[in-house]
């Protein structure tokens, strides 16, 4: 049975992500494991990086796990395993985050994470919002609504890496993808039928 590994680095709603993946797996055809052990990461068939909180603390949590970042680099860059970052997990794909000072990200998808410009609107952006595809990508369900909780956005260096967008004060990337690496700013595990379809597409994705 193939395995999807949800990375446990102290900065994600692991149980919610696991339940979402289990619901999305057709006929329980996937084993969902939770781990930060490099050997388990490299043995997986797919990787999910959740994230809740500030960019800097999440980045520090990743780097505090011995060998984890090296394993993620090997898994994505060398083994080309399908990889999905969720919320702050998507933001960590960037080169740099500007929350609480400049902090280095993973650099899997070039860009920076900056504050959302939502003048006159309440922050964080919390709740349901329409996700609009801007590229034809196998991860994306048809246009629909997803659940967001964030105050910062991923500003991609190459706009062709943006596959979906949403609006809250400004238009921002709702999902990005480059080769075998993808990210969702929304929480698919909390996004009802749309999110379940997104996760099912991820489990079936052959980048």
N, C-alpha and C. Protein backbone atom coordinates (compact mmCIF):
# COMPACT_ATOMS: atom_id res chain seq x y z
N UNK A 1 0.84 -1.19 0.00
CA UNK A 1 0.00 0.00 0.00
C UNK A 1 0.88 1.25 0.00
N UNK A 2 0.65 2.20 -0.91
CA UNK A 2 1.46 3.42 -0.93
C UNK A 2 1.22 4.27 0.31
N UNK A 3 2.24 5.08 0.65
CA UNK A 3 2.19 5.89 1.86
C UNK A 3 2.31 7.37 1.54
N UNK A 4 1.48 8.17 2.19
CA UNK A 4 1.65 9.62 2.18
C UNK A 4 2.10 10.02 3.58
N UNK A 5 3.21 10.73 3.66
CA UNK A 5 3.79 11.13 4.93
C UNK A 5 3.44 12.57 5.24
N UNK A 6 2.77 12.78 6.37
CA UNK A 6 2.45 14.12 6.87
C UNK A 6 3.56 14.51 7.85
N UNK A 7 4.25 15.61 7.55
CA UNK A 7 5.42 15.99 8.33
C UNK A 7 5.02 16.57 9.68
N UNK A 8 5.56 15.98 10.74
CA UNK A 8 5.30 16.42 12.10
C UNK A 8 6.49 17.23 12.60
N UNK A 9 6.34 18.56 12.62
CA UNK A 9 7.43 19.41 13.10
C UNK A 9 6.93 20.42 14.11
N UNK A 10 5.80 20.11 14.74
CA UNK A 10 5.27 20.95 15.81
C UNK A 10 4.57 22.21 15.35
N UNK A 11 4.17 22.26 14.07
CA UNK A 11 3.59 23.51 13.56
C UNK A 11 2.42 23.26 12.61
N UNK A 12 1.68 22.21 12.84
CA UNK A 12 0.56 21.95 11.95
C UNK A 12 -0.56 21.22 12.64
N UNK A 13 -1.76 21.36 12.09
CA UNK A 13 -2.91 20.62 12.61
C UNK A 13 -2.88 19.23 11.99
N UNK A 14 -2.07 18.35 12.59
CA UNK A 14 -1.79 17.05 11.99
C UNK A 14 -3.04 16.19 11.88
N UNK A 15 -3.84 16.15 12.93
CA UNK A 15 -4.99 15.26 12.92
C UNK A 15 -5.99 15.65 11.84
N UNK A 16 -6.18 16.96 11.66
CA UNK A 16 -7.08 17.44 10.62
C UNK A 16 -6.56 17.06 9.23
N UNK A 17 -5.25 17.24 9.02
CA UNK A 17 -4.67 16.88 7.73
C UNK A 17 -4.77 15.38 7.46
N UNK A 18 -4.51 14.58 8.49
CA UNK A 18 -4.60 13.12 8.33
C UNK A 18 -6.02 12.70 7.98
N UNK A 19 -7.00 13.25 8.71
CA UNK A 19 -8.39 12.89 8.43
C UNK A 19 -8.80 13.30 7.02
N UNK A 20 -8.35 14.49 6.60
CA UNK A 20 -8.68 14.94 5.26
C UNK A 20 -8.11 14.01 4.19
N UNK A 21 -6.87 13.58 4.37
CA UNK A 21 -6.25 12.67 3.41
C UNK A 21 -6.93 11.31 3.43
N UNK A 22 -7.29 10.84 4.61
CA UNK A 22 -7.97 9.55 4.70
C UNK A 22 -9.33 9.59 4.03
N UNK A 23 -10.04 10.70 4.18
CA UNK A 23 -11.34 10.84 3.50
C UNK A 23 -11.16 10.89 1.99
N UNK A 24 -10.06 11.51 1.53
CA UNK A 24 -9.84 11.67 0.10
C UNK A 24 -9.35 10.40 -0.57
N UNK A 25 -8.75 9.50 0.21
CA UNK A 25 -8.18 8.27 -0.36
C UNK A 25 -9.31 7.32 -0.76
N UNK A 26 -9.43 6.98 -2.03
CA UNK A 26 -10.50 6.08 -2.45
C UNK A 26 -10.31 4.68 -1.88
N UNK A 27 -11.36 4.17 -1.21
CA UNK A 27 -11.35 2.80 -0.68
C UNK A 27 -10.15 2.54 0.23
N UNK A 28 -9.77 3.54 1.03
CA UNK A 28 -8.64 3.38 1.96
C UNK A 28 -7.41 2.81 1.28
N UNK A 29 -7.13 3.32 0.08
CA UNK A 29 -6.04 2.78 -0.73
C UNK A 29 -4.69 3.39 -0.40
N UNK A 30 -4.65 4.31 0.56
CA UNK A 30 -3.40 4.93 0.97
C UNK A 30 -3.20 4.77 2.46
N UNK A 31 -1.97 4.55 2.86
CA UNK A 31 -1.60 4.62 4.28
C UNK A 31 -1.13 6.04 4.56
N UNK A 32 -1.69 6.66 5.60
CA UNK A 32 -1.30 8.01 5.98
C UNK A 32 -0.45 7.92 7.24
N UNK A 33 0.82 8.31 7.13
CA UNK A 33 1.76 8.25 8.25
C UNK A 33 2.10 9.67 8.70
N UNK A 34 2.39 9.82 9.99
CA UNK A 34 2.81 11.10 10.56
C UNK A 34 4.21 10.92 11.11
N UNK A 35 5.17 11.71 10.61
CA UNK A 35 6.55 11.51 11.03
C UNK A 35 7.42 12.71 10.70
N UNK A 36 8.53 12.84 11.42
CA UNK A 36 9.59 13.79 11.09
C UNK A 36 10.91 13.06 10.90
N UNK A 37 10.85 11.72 10.86
CA UNK A 37 12.06 10.93 10.68
C UNK A 37 12.49 10.94 9.22
N UNK A 38 13.71 11.36 8.92
CA UNK A 38 14.16 11.41 7.53
C UNK A 38 13.97 10.09 6.78
N UNK A 39 14.23 8.96 7.44
CA UNK A 39 14.09 7.67 6.76
C UNK A 39 12.65 7.41 6.35
N UNK A 40 11.69 7.81 7.18
CA UNK A 40 10.28 7.61 6.84
C UNK A 40 9.83 8.57 5.75
N UNK A 41 10.37 9.78 5.77
CA UNK A 41 10.06 10.74 4.71
C UNK A 41 10.52 10.20 3.37
N UNK A 42 11.73 9.68 3.33
CA UNK A 42 12.30 9.20 2.07
C UNK A 42 11.67 7.88 1.61
N UNK A 43 11.04 7.17 2.53
CA UNK A 43 10.39 5.91 2.16
C UNK A 43 8.97 6.13 1.66
N UNK A 44 8.44 7.35 1.82
CA UNK A 44 7.05 7.63 1.45
C UNK A 44 6.92 7.78 -0.07
N UNK A 45 5.67 7.72 -0.52
CA UNK A 45 5.35 7.91 -1.93
C UNK A 45 4.90 9.34 -2.23
N UNK A 46 4.40 10.01 -1.19
CA UNK A 46 3.98 11.40 -1.28
C UNK A 46 4.23 12.06 0.07
N UNK A 47 4.39 13.40 0.04
CA UNK A 47 4.69 14.14 1.27
C UNK A 47 3.75 15.33 1.39
N UNK A 48 3.23 15.54 2.60
CA UNK A 48 2.40 16.71 2.89
C UNK A 48 3.03 17.47 4.04
N UNK A 49 3.23 18.78 3.85
CA UNK A 49 3.79 19.67 4.88
C UNK A 49 2.69 20.63 5.32
N UNK A 50 2.05 20.37 6.46
CA UNK A 50 1.05 21.31 6.97
C UNK A 50 1.74 22.47 7.66
N UNK A 51 0.97 23.45 8.11
CA UNK A 51 1.58 24.56 8.83
C UNK A 51 0.56 25.51 9.39
N UNK A 52 0.69 25.83 10.66
CA UNK A 52 -0.17 26.80 11.32
C UNK A 52 0.72 27.68 12.18
N UNK A 53 0.55 29.01 12.05
CA UNK A 53 1.35 29.92 12.87
C UNK A 53 2.19 30.84 12.02
N UNK A 54 3.27 31.34 12.59
CA UNK A 54 4.14 32.31 11.92
C UNK A 54 5.22 31.60 11.11
N UNK A 55 5.59 32.23 10.00
CA UNK A 55 6.61 31.68 9.10
C UNK A 55 7.90 31.36 9.87
N UNK A 56 8.38 32.31 10.67
CA UNK A 56 9.67 32.15 11.34
C UNK A 56 9.67 30.96 12.28
N UNK A 57 8.62 30.82 13.09
CA UNK A 57 8.58 29.70 14.04
C UNK A 57 8.42 28.37 13.32
N UNK A 58 7.67 28.36 12.23
CA UNK A 58 7.51 27.13 11.46
C UNK A 58 8.83 26.72 10.80
N UNK A 59 9.55 27.70 10.24
CA UNK A 59 10.85 27.41 9.63
C UNK A 59 11.82 26.89 10.67
N UNK A 60 11.79 27.49 11.87
CA UNK A 60 12.67 27.03 12.95
C UNK A 60 12.31 25.62 13.38
N UNK A 61 11.01 25.32 13.42
CA UNK A 61 10.57 23.98 13.79
C UNK A 61 11.06 22.93 12.81
N UNK A 62 11.01 23.25 11.52
CA UNK A 62 11.52 22.32 10.51
C UNK A 62 13.01 22.06 10.70
N UNK A 63 13.76 23.13 10.89
CA UNK A 63 15.22 23.01 10.97
C UNK A 63 15.68 22.40 12.30
N UNK A 64 14.79 22.38 13.28
CA UNK A 64 15.14 21.78 14.58
C UNK A 64 15.10 20.25 14.54
N UNK A 65 14.47 19.68 13.51
CA UNK A 65 14.40 18.22 13.39
C UNK A 65 15.63 17.74 12.62
N UNK A 66 16.52 16.99 13.25
CA UNK A 66 17.78 16.59 12.60
C UNK A 66 17.55 15.86 11.27
N UNK A 67 18.16 16.38 10.22
CA UNK A 67 18.13 15.74 8.92
C UNK A 67 16.85 15.91 8.14
N UNK A 68 15.85 16.59 8.72
CA UNK A 68 14.55 16.66 8.05
C UNK A 68 14.60 17.49 6.77
N UNK A 69 15.20 18.69 6.84
CA UNK A 69 15.25 19.53 5.64
C UNK A 69 16.04 18.84 4.54
N UNK A 70 17.15 18.21 4.87
CA UNK A 70 17.92 17.47 3.86
C UNK A 70 17.08 16.37 3.23
N UNK A 71 16.27 15.69 4.03
CA UNK A 71 15.42 14.62 3.51
C UNK A 71 14.36 15.20 2.57
N UNK A 72 13.80 16.35 2.93
CA UNK A 72 12.80 16.97 2.06
C UNK A 72 13.42 17.41 0.73
N UNK A 73 14.63 17.94 0.78
CA UNK A 73 15.33 18.34 -0.44
C UNK A 73 15.59 17.12 -1.32
N UNK A 74 16.08 16.03 -0.72
CA UNK A 74 16.33 14.82 -1.50
C UNK A 74 15.04 14.27 -2.08
N UNK A 75 13.98 14.25 -1.28
CA UNK A 75 12.71 13.69 -1.73
C UNK A 75 12.13 14.48 -2.90
N UNK A 76 12.24 15.81 -2.85
CA UNK A 76 11.62 16.62 -3.89
C UNK A 76 12.53 16.84 -5.09
N UNK A 77 13.80 17.18 -4.84
CA UNK A 77 14.71 17.55 -5.93
C UNK A 77 15.30 16.34 -6.64
N UNK A 78 15.60 15.29 -5.88
CA UNK A 78 16.26 14.13 -6.48
C UNK A 78 15.28 13.00 -6.80
N UNK A 79 14.45 12.66 -5.84
CA UNK A 79 13.50 11.56 -6.06
C UNK A 79 12.21 12.01 -6.73
N UNK A 80 11.99 13.32 -6.77
CA UNK A 80 10.83 13.90 -7.45
C UNK A 80 9.50 13.37 -6.91
N UNK A 81 9.43 13.20 -5.59
CA UNK A 81 8.17 12.76 -4.99
C UNK A 81 7.16 13.90 -5.01
N UNK A 82 5.89 13.61 -5.25
CA UNK A 82 4.87 14.65 -5.16
C UNK A 82 4.82 15.22 -3.75
N UNK A 83 4.80 16.54 -3.66
CA UNK A 83 4.91 17.24 -2.38
C UNK A 83 3.84 18.32 -2.34
N UNK A 84 3.13 18.41 -1.20
CA UNK A 84 2.10 19.43 -1.04
C UNK A 84 2.31 20.18 0.27
N UNK A 85 2.45 21.50 0.20
CA UNK A 85 2.49 22.34 1.38
C UNK A 85 1.13 22.99 1.59
N UNK A 86 0.67 23.02 2.84
CA UNK A 86 -0.65 23.57 3.16
C UNK A 86 -0.50 24.78 4.08
N UNK A 87 -1.12 25.89 3.70
CA UNK A 87 -1.13 27.14 4.47
C UNK A 87 0.31 27.61 4.70
N UNK A 88 0.80 27.66 5.94
CA UNK A 88 2.19 28.06 6.14
C UNK A 88 3.13 27.04 5.49
N UNK A 89 2.70 25.80 5.36
CA UNK A 89 3.48 24.80 4.64
C UNK A 89 3.71 25.20 3.20
N UNK A 90 2.72 25.85 2.57
CA UNK A 90 2.92 26.40 1.23
C UNK A 90 3.89 27.57 1.29
N UNK A 91 3.73 28.46 2.27
CA UNK A 91 4.61 29.62 2.35
C UNK A 91 6.07 29.23 2.55
N UNK A 92 6.30 28.13 3.26
CA UNK A 92 7.68 27.67 3.48
C UNK A 92 8.37 27.22 2.20
N UNK A 93 7.61 27.01 1.13
CA UNK A 93 8.21 26.66 -0.15
C UNK A 93 9.02 27.82 -0.73
N UNK A 94 8.75 29.04 -0.28
CA UNK A 94 9.38 30.24 -0.83
C UNK A 94 10.85 30.35 -0.43
N UNK A 95 11.53 31.27 -1.08
CA UNK A 95 12.93 31.55 -0.74
C UNK A 95 13.04 32.28 0.60
N UNK A 96 12.04 33.13 0.88
CA UNK A 96 12.17 34.06 1.99
C UNK A 96 10.80 34.40 2.55
N UNK A 97 10.72 34.54 3.88
CA UNK A 97 9.53 35.03 4.53
C UNK A 97 9.82 36.33 5.26
N UNK A 98 8.89 37.27 5.21
CA UNK A 98 9.11 38.59 5.81
C UNK A 98 8.36 38.76 7.13
N UNK A 99 7.73 37.72 7.64
CA UNK A 99 7.01 37.81 8.90
C UNK A 99 8.00 37.76 10.06
N UNK A 100 7.98 38.78 10.94
CA UNK A 100 8.91 38.86 12.07
C UNK A 100 10.36 38.87 11.59
N UNK A 101 10.65 39.68 10.58
CA UNK A 101 11.99 39.74 10.03
C UNK A 101 12.16 38.77 8.87
N UNK A 102 13.26 38.91 8.15
CA UNK A 102 13.51 38.05 6.99
C UNK A 102 14.05 36.69 7.45
N UNK A 103 13.37 35.65 7.02
CA UNK A 103 13.73 34.28 7.39
C UNK A 103 13.78 33.43 6.13
N UNK A 104 14.80 32.62 6.01
CA UNK A 104 14.97 31.77 4.83
C UNK A 104 13.95 30.65 4.81
N UNK A 105 13.36 30.43 3.63
CA UNK A 105 12.46 29.31 3.42
C UNK A 105 13.17 28.15 2.76
N UNK A 106 12.39 27.21 2.23
CA UNK A 106 12.97 26.02 1.60
C UNK A 106 13.46 26.30 0.18
N UNK A 107 12.91 27.30 -0.49
CA UNK A 107 13.34 27.63 -1.84
C UNK A 107 12.91 26.63 -2.89
N UNK A 108 11.83 25.89 -2.64
CA UNK A 108 11.36 24.91 -3.62
C UNK A 108 10.60 25.58 -4.78
N UNK A 109 9.94 26.69 -4.48
CA UNK A 109 9.24 27.50 -5.49
C UNK A 109 9.69 28.93 -5.25
N UNK A 110 10.34 29.55 -6.21
CA UNK A 110 10.96 30.85 -5.98
C UNK A 110 9.92 31.93 -5.68
N UNK A 111 10.20 32.70 -4.64
CA UNK A 111 9.32 33.79 -4.27
C UNK A 111 9.56 34.21 -2.84
N UNK A 112 8.74 35.16 -2.39
CA UNK A 112 8.83 35.60 -0.99
C UNK A 112 7.43 35.65 -0.39
N UNK A 113 7.38 35.60 0.92
CA UNK A 113 6.11 35.67 1.65
C UNK A 113 6.04 37.04 2.31
N UNK A 114 5.00 37.80 1.98
CA UNK A 114 4.84 39.15 2.50
C UNK A 114 3.44 39.33 3.06
N UNK A 115 3.24 40.45 3.76
CA UNK A 115 1.94 40.74 4.36
C UNK A 115 0.87 40.95 3.29
N UNK A 116 -0.31 40.45 3.55
CA UNK A 116 -1.47 40.66 2.69
C UNK A 116 -1.91 42.12 2.82
N UNK A 117 -2.10 42.78 1.68
CA UNK A 117 -2.55 44.18 1.67
C UNK A 117 -4.08 44.19 1.63
N UNK A 118 -4.68 44.29 2.79
CA UNK A 118 -6.13 44.22 2.89
C UNK A 118 -6.66 45.43 3.64
N UNK A 119 -6.37 46.62 3.12
CA UNK A 119 -6.75 47.87 3.78
C UNK A 119 -8.26 47.90 4.04
N UNK A 120 -8.62 48.16 5.29
CA UNK A 120 -10.02 48.26 5.64
C UNK A 120 -10.70 46.94 5.92
N UNK A 121 -9.99 45.85 5.73
CA UNK A 121 -10.55 44.52 5.97
C UNK A 121 -9.88 43.90 7.19
N UNK A 122 -10.62 43.05 7.85
CA UNK A 122 -10.09 42.41 9.06
C UNK A 122 -9.04 41.37 8.70
N UNK A 123 -7.98 41.36 9.48
CA UNK A 123 -6.94 40.34 9.34
C UNK A 123 -6.83 39.56 10.65
N UNK A 124 -6.56 38.27 10.61
CA UNK A 124 -6.28 37.51 9.40
C UNK A 124 -7.50 37.34 8.51
N UNK A 125 -7.23 37.09 7.23
CA UNK A 125 -8.27 36.66 6.31
C UNK A 125 -8.72 35.28 6.76
N UNK A 126 -9.93 35.20 7.27
CA UNK A 126 -10.41 33.95 7.85
C UNK A 126 -11.80 33.65 7.33
N UNK A 127 -11.96 32.51 6.69
CA UNK A 127 -13.26 32.10 6.21
C UNK A 127 -13.21 31.59 4.78
N UNK A 128 -14.40 31.46 4.21
CA UNK A 128 -14.54 30.87 2.88
C UNK A 128 -14.33 31.92 1.80
N UNK A 129 -13.66 31.51 0.73
CA UNK A 129 -13.40 32.41 -0.38
C UNK A 129 -13.30 31.59 -1.66
N UNK A 130 -13.68 32.22 -2.75
CA UNK A 130 -13.65 31.54 -4.04
C UNK A 130 -12.21 31.33 -4.51
N UNK A 131 -11.92 30.13 -4.98
CA UNK A 131 -10.62 29.81 -5.57
C UNK A 131 -10.81 29.73 -7.08
N UNK A 132 -10.09 30.58 -7.80
CA UNK A 132 -10.25 30.68 -9.25
C UNK A 132 -9.02 30.10 -9.95
N UNK A 133 -9.18 29.03 -10.75
CA UNK A 133 -8.03 28.51 -11.48
C UNK A 133 -7.48 29.55 -12.46
N UNK A 134 -6.17 29.69 -12.51
CA UNK A 134 -5.53 30.57 -13.50
C UNK A 134 -4.64 29.76 -14.43
N UNK A 135 -4.61 28.46 -14.25
CA UNK A 135 -3.85 27.56 -15.11
C UNK A 135 -4.58 26.22 -15.14
N UNK A 136 -4.36 25.48 -16.18
CA UNK A 136 -4.92 24.14 -16.29
C UNK A 136 -3.96 23.19 -15.59
N UNK A 137 -4.34 22.73 -14.40
CA UNK A 137 -3.45 21.88 -13.61
C UNK A 137 -4.23 20.72 -13.02
N UNK A 138 -3.66 19.51 -13.03
CA UNK A 138 -4.41 18.34 -12.56
C UNK A 138 -4.77 18.37 -11.08
N UNK A 139 -4.14 19.22 -10.28
CA UNK A 139 -4.50 19.30 -8.87
C UNK A 139 -5.83 20.01 -8.64
N UNK A 140 -6.22 20.87 -9.57
CA UNK A 140 -7.33 21.78 -9.32
C UNK A 140 -8.68 21.17 -9.68
N UNK A 141 -9.62 21.17 -8.73
CA UNK A 141 -11.01 20.89 -9.08
C UNK A 141 -11.57 22.08 -9.87
N UNK A 142 -12.79 21.97 -10.38
CA UNK A 142 -13.42 23.15 -10.97
C UNK A 142 -13.53 24.26 -9.93
N UNK A 143 -13.77 25.46 -10.41
CA UNK A 143 -13.86 26.63 -9.53
C UNK A 143 -14.79 26.35 -8.35
N UNK A 144 -14.37 26.76 -7.15
CA UNK A 144 -15.18 26.52 -5.97
C UNK A 144 -14.66 27.32 -4.80
N UNK A 145 -15.25 27.09 -3.62
CA UNK A 145 -14.87 27.84 -2.42
C UNK A 145 -14.02 26.98 -1.50
N UNK A 146 -13.04 27.63 -0.83
CA UNK A 146 -12.16 26.94 0.12
C UNK A 146 -12.02 27.80 1.37
N UNK A 147 -11.49 27.19 2.42
CA UNK A 147 -11.38 27.85 3.72
C UNK A 147 -9.96 28.35 3.94
N UNK A 148 -9.84 29.65 4.25
CA UNK A 148 -8.55 30.31 4.43
C UNK A 148 -8.40 30.82 5.86
N UNK A 149 -7.16 30.80 6.37
CA UNK A 149 -6.79 31.50 7.60
C UNK A 149 -5.35 31.98 7.42
N UNK A 150 -5.16 33.28 7.12
CA UNK A 150 -3.79 33.77 6.88
C UNK A 150 -3.77 35.28 6.86
N UNK A 151 -2.60 35.85 7.12
CA UNK A 151 -2.36 37.29 7.01
C UNK A 151 -1.22 37.60 6.05
N UNK A 152 -0.53 36.55 5.57
CA UNK A 152 0.59 36.71 4.65
C UNK A 152 0.32 35.91 3.39
N UNK A 153 0.94 36.32 2.30
CA UNK A 153 0.72 35.66 1.01
C UNK A 153 2.05 35.32 0.35
N UNK A 154 1.99 34.36 -0.56
CA UNK A 154 3.14 33.92 -1.34
C UNK A 154 3.20 34.77 -2.60
N UNK A 155 4.26 35.56 -2.74
CA UNK A 155 4.48 36.36 -3.95
C UNK A 155 5.49 35.63 -4.82
N UNK A 156 5.00 34.94 -5.85
CA UNK A 156 5.86 34.10 -6.68
C UNK A 156 6.74 34.95 -7.60
N UNK A 157 8.00 34.55 -7.74
CA UNK A 157 8.91 35.22 -8.67
C UNK A 157 8.44 35.03 -10.10
N UNK A 158 8.03 33.82 -10.43
CA UNK A 158 7.54 33.47 -11.77
C UNK A 158 6.04 33.25 -11.68
N UNK A 159 5.27 34.12 -12.30
CA UNK A 159 3.81 34.03 -12.21
C UNK A 159 3.27 32.74 -12.81
N UNK A 160 4.05 32.06 -13.64
CA UNK A 160 3.58 30.80 -14.20
C UNK A 160 3.52 29.70 -13.14
N UNK A 161 4.12 29.93 -11.97
CA UNK A 161 4.02 28.97 -10.88
C UNK A 161 2.69 29.08 -10.13
N UNK A 162 1.92 30.12 -10.39
CA UNK A 162 0.62 30.31 -9.74
C UNK A 162 -0.44 29.56 -10.54
N UNK A 163 -1.16 28.66 -9.89
CA UNK A 163 -2.17 27.88 -10.61
C UNK A 163 -3.59 28.26 -10.21
N UNK A 164 -3.75 28.97 -9.08
CA UNK A 164 -5.09 29.43 -8.68
C UNK A 164 -4.94 30.69 -7.85
N UNK A 165 -5.97 31.52 -7.86
CA UNK A 165 -5.93 32.80 -7.16
C UNK A 165 -7.22 33.01 -6.36
N UNK A 166 -7.14 33.93 -5.40
CA UNK A 166 -8.30 34.36 -4.63
C UNK A 166 -8.16 35.85 -4.37
N UNK A 167 -9.23 36.48 -3.90
CA UNK A 167 -9.21 37.92 -3.64
C UNK A 167 -9.63 38.21 -2.21
N UNK A 168 -8.81 39.03 -1.54
CA UNK A 168 -9.18 39.58 -0.24
C UNK A 168 -8.34 40.84 -0.05
N UNK A 169 -8.90 41.98 -0.44
CA UNK A 169 -8.13 43.22 -0.44
C UNK A 169 -7.26 43.35 -1.66
N UNK A 170 -6.66 42.27 -2.07
CA UNK A 170 -5.87 42.17 -3.30
C UNK A 170 -5.96 40.74 -3.81
N UNK A 171 -5.62 40.57 -5.06
CA UNK A 171 -5.58 39.23 -5.65
C UNK A 171 -4.29 38.56 -5.20
N UNK A 172 -4.38 37.32 -4.72
CA UNK A 172 -3.20 36.62 -4.21
C UNK A 172 -3.23 35.16 -4.65
N UNK A 173 -2.07 34.49 -4.66
CA UNK A 173 -2.03 33.08 -5.05
C UNK A 173 -2.73 32.19 -4.02
N UNK A 174 -3.71 31.45 -4.47
CA UNK A 174 -4.38 30.46 -3.62
C UNK A 174 -3.69 29.11 -3.72
N UNK A 175 -3.00 28.87 -4.83
CA UNK A 175 -2.26 27.62 -5.00
C UNK A 175 -1.12 27.85 -5.98
N UNK A 176 0.01 27.19 -5.73
CA UNK A 176 1.17 27.26 -6.61
C UNK A 176 1.63 25.84 -6.94
N UNK A 177 2.37 25.71 -8.03
CA UNK A 177 2.93 24.41 -8.38
C UNK A 177 4.11 24.60 -9.31
N UNK A 178 5.15 23.85 -9.05
CA UNK A 178 6.33 23.79 -9.93
C UNK A 178 6.79 22.35 -9.96
N UNK A 179 6.71 21.73 -11.13
CA UNK A 179 7.07 20.32 -11.31
C UNK A 179 6.32 19.46 -10.29
N UNK A 180 7.03 18.80 -9.38
CA UNK A 180 6.40 17.88 -8.43
C UNK A 180 6.05 18.52 -7.09
N UNK A 181 6.25 19.83 -6.97
CA UNK A 181 6.01 20.53 -5.71
C UNK A 181 4.82 21.47 -5.87
N UNK A 182 3.89 21.42 -4.91
CA UNK A 182 2.71 22.27 -4.97
C UNK A 182 2.39 22.80 -3.58
N UNK A 183 1.58 23.86 -3.55
CA UNK A 183 1.16 24.43 -2.28
C UNK A 183 -0.24 24.99 -2.38
N UNK A 184 -0.98 24.92 -1.28
CA UNK A 184 -2.31 25.50 -1.18
C UNK A 184 -2.33 26.47 -0.01
N UNK A 185 -2.68 27.73 -0.26
CA UNK A 185 -2.79 28.70 0.83
C UNK A 185 -4.00 28.40 1.70
N UNK A 186 -5.03 27.83 1.11
CA UNK A 186 -6.22 27.43 1.86
C UNK A 186 -5.98 26.09 2.55
N UNK A 187 -6.91 25.73 3.42
CA UNK A 187 -6.85 24.44 4.12
C UNK A 187 -7.77 23.45 3.41
N UNK A 188 -7.24 22.59 2.55
CA UNK A 188 -8.13 21.64 1.85
C UNK A 188 -8.85 20.70 2.81
N UNK A 189 -8.20 20.36 3.92
CA UNK A 189 -8.82 19.44 4.88
C UNK A 189 -10.01 20.05 5.59
N UNK A 190 -10.18 21.39 5.48
CA UNK A 190 -11.32 22.08 6.09
C UNK A 190 -12.25 22.68 5.05
N UNK A 191 -12.06 22.32 3.79
CA UNK A 191 -12.75 22.99 2.68
C UNK A 191 -13.82 22.14 2.02
N UNK A 192 -14.43 21.26 2.78
CA UNK A 192 -15.58 20.52 2.29
C UNK A 192 -15.29 19.72 1.03
N UNK A 193 -16.28 19.69 0.13
CA UNK A 193 -16.16 18.89 -1.08
C UNK A 193 -15.03 19.38 -1.98
N UNK A 194 -14.84 20.71 -2.03
CA UNK A 194 -13.76 21.25 -2.86
C UNK A 194 -12.40 20.77 -2.36
N UNK A 195 -12.19 20.87 -1.06
CA UNK A 195 -10.92 20.44 -0.49
C UNK A 195 -10.68 18.95 -0.62
N UNK A 196 -11.75 18.16 -0.46
CA UNK A 196 -11.60 16.71 -0.60
C UNK A 196 -11.22 16.36 -2.03
N UNK A 197 -11.81 17.05 -2.99
CA UNK A 197 -11.47 16.81 -4.40
C UNK A 197 -10.02 17.21 -4.67
N UNK A 198 -9.57 18.31 -4.07
CA UNK A 198 -8.18 18.74 -4.23
C UNK A 198 -7.22 17.69 -3.68
N UNK A 199 -7.49 17.17 -2.49
CA UNK A 199 -6.61 16.15 -1.89
C UNK A 199 -6.65 14.85 -2.69
N UNK A 200 -7.83 14.49 -3.19
CA UNK A 200 -7.92 13.29 -4.03
C UNK A 200 -7.07 13.46 -5.28
N UNK A 201 -7.14 14.65 -5.87
CA UNK A 201 -6.30 14.93 -7.04
C UNK A 201 -4.82 14.82 -6.70
N UNK A 202 -4.44 15.28 -5.50
CA UNK A 202 -3.04 15.19 -5.10
C UNK A 202 -2.61 13.71 -4.99
N UNK A 203 -3.46 12.87 -4.44
CA UNK A 203 -3.11 11.46 -4.30
C UNK A 203 -3.02 10.76 -5.66
N UNK A 204 -3.69 11.31 -6.65
CA UNK A 204 -3.67 10.71 -7.99
C UNK A 204 -2.68 11.41 -8.93
N UNK A 205 -2.06 12.48 -8.46
CA UNK A 205 -1.18 13.32 -9.30
C UNK A 205 0.05 12.54 -9.73
N UNK A 206 0.37 12.65 -11.00
CA UNK A 206 1.58 12.02 -11.55
C UNK A 206 2.42 13.09 -12.25
N UNK A 207 3.14 13.89 -11.47
CA UNK A 207 3.89 15.01 -12.09
C UNK A 207 5.08 14.52 -12.91
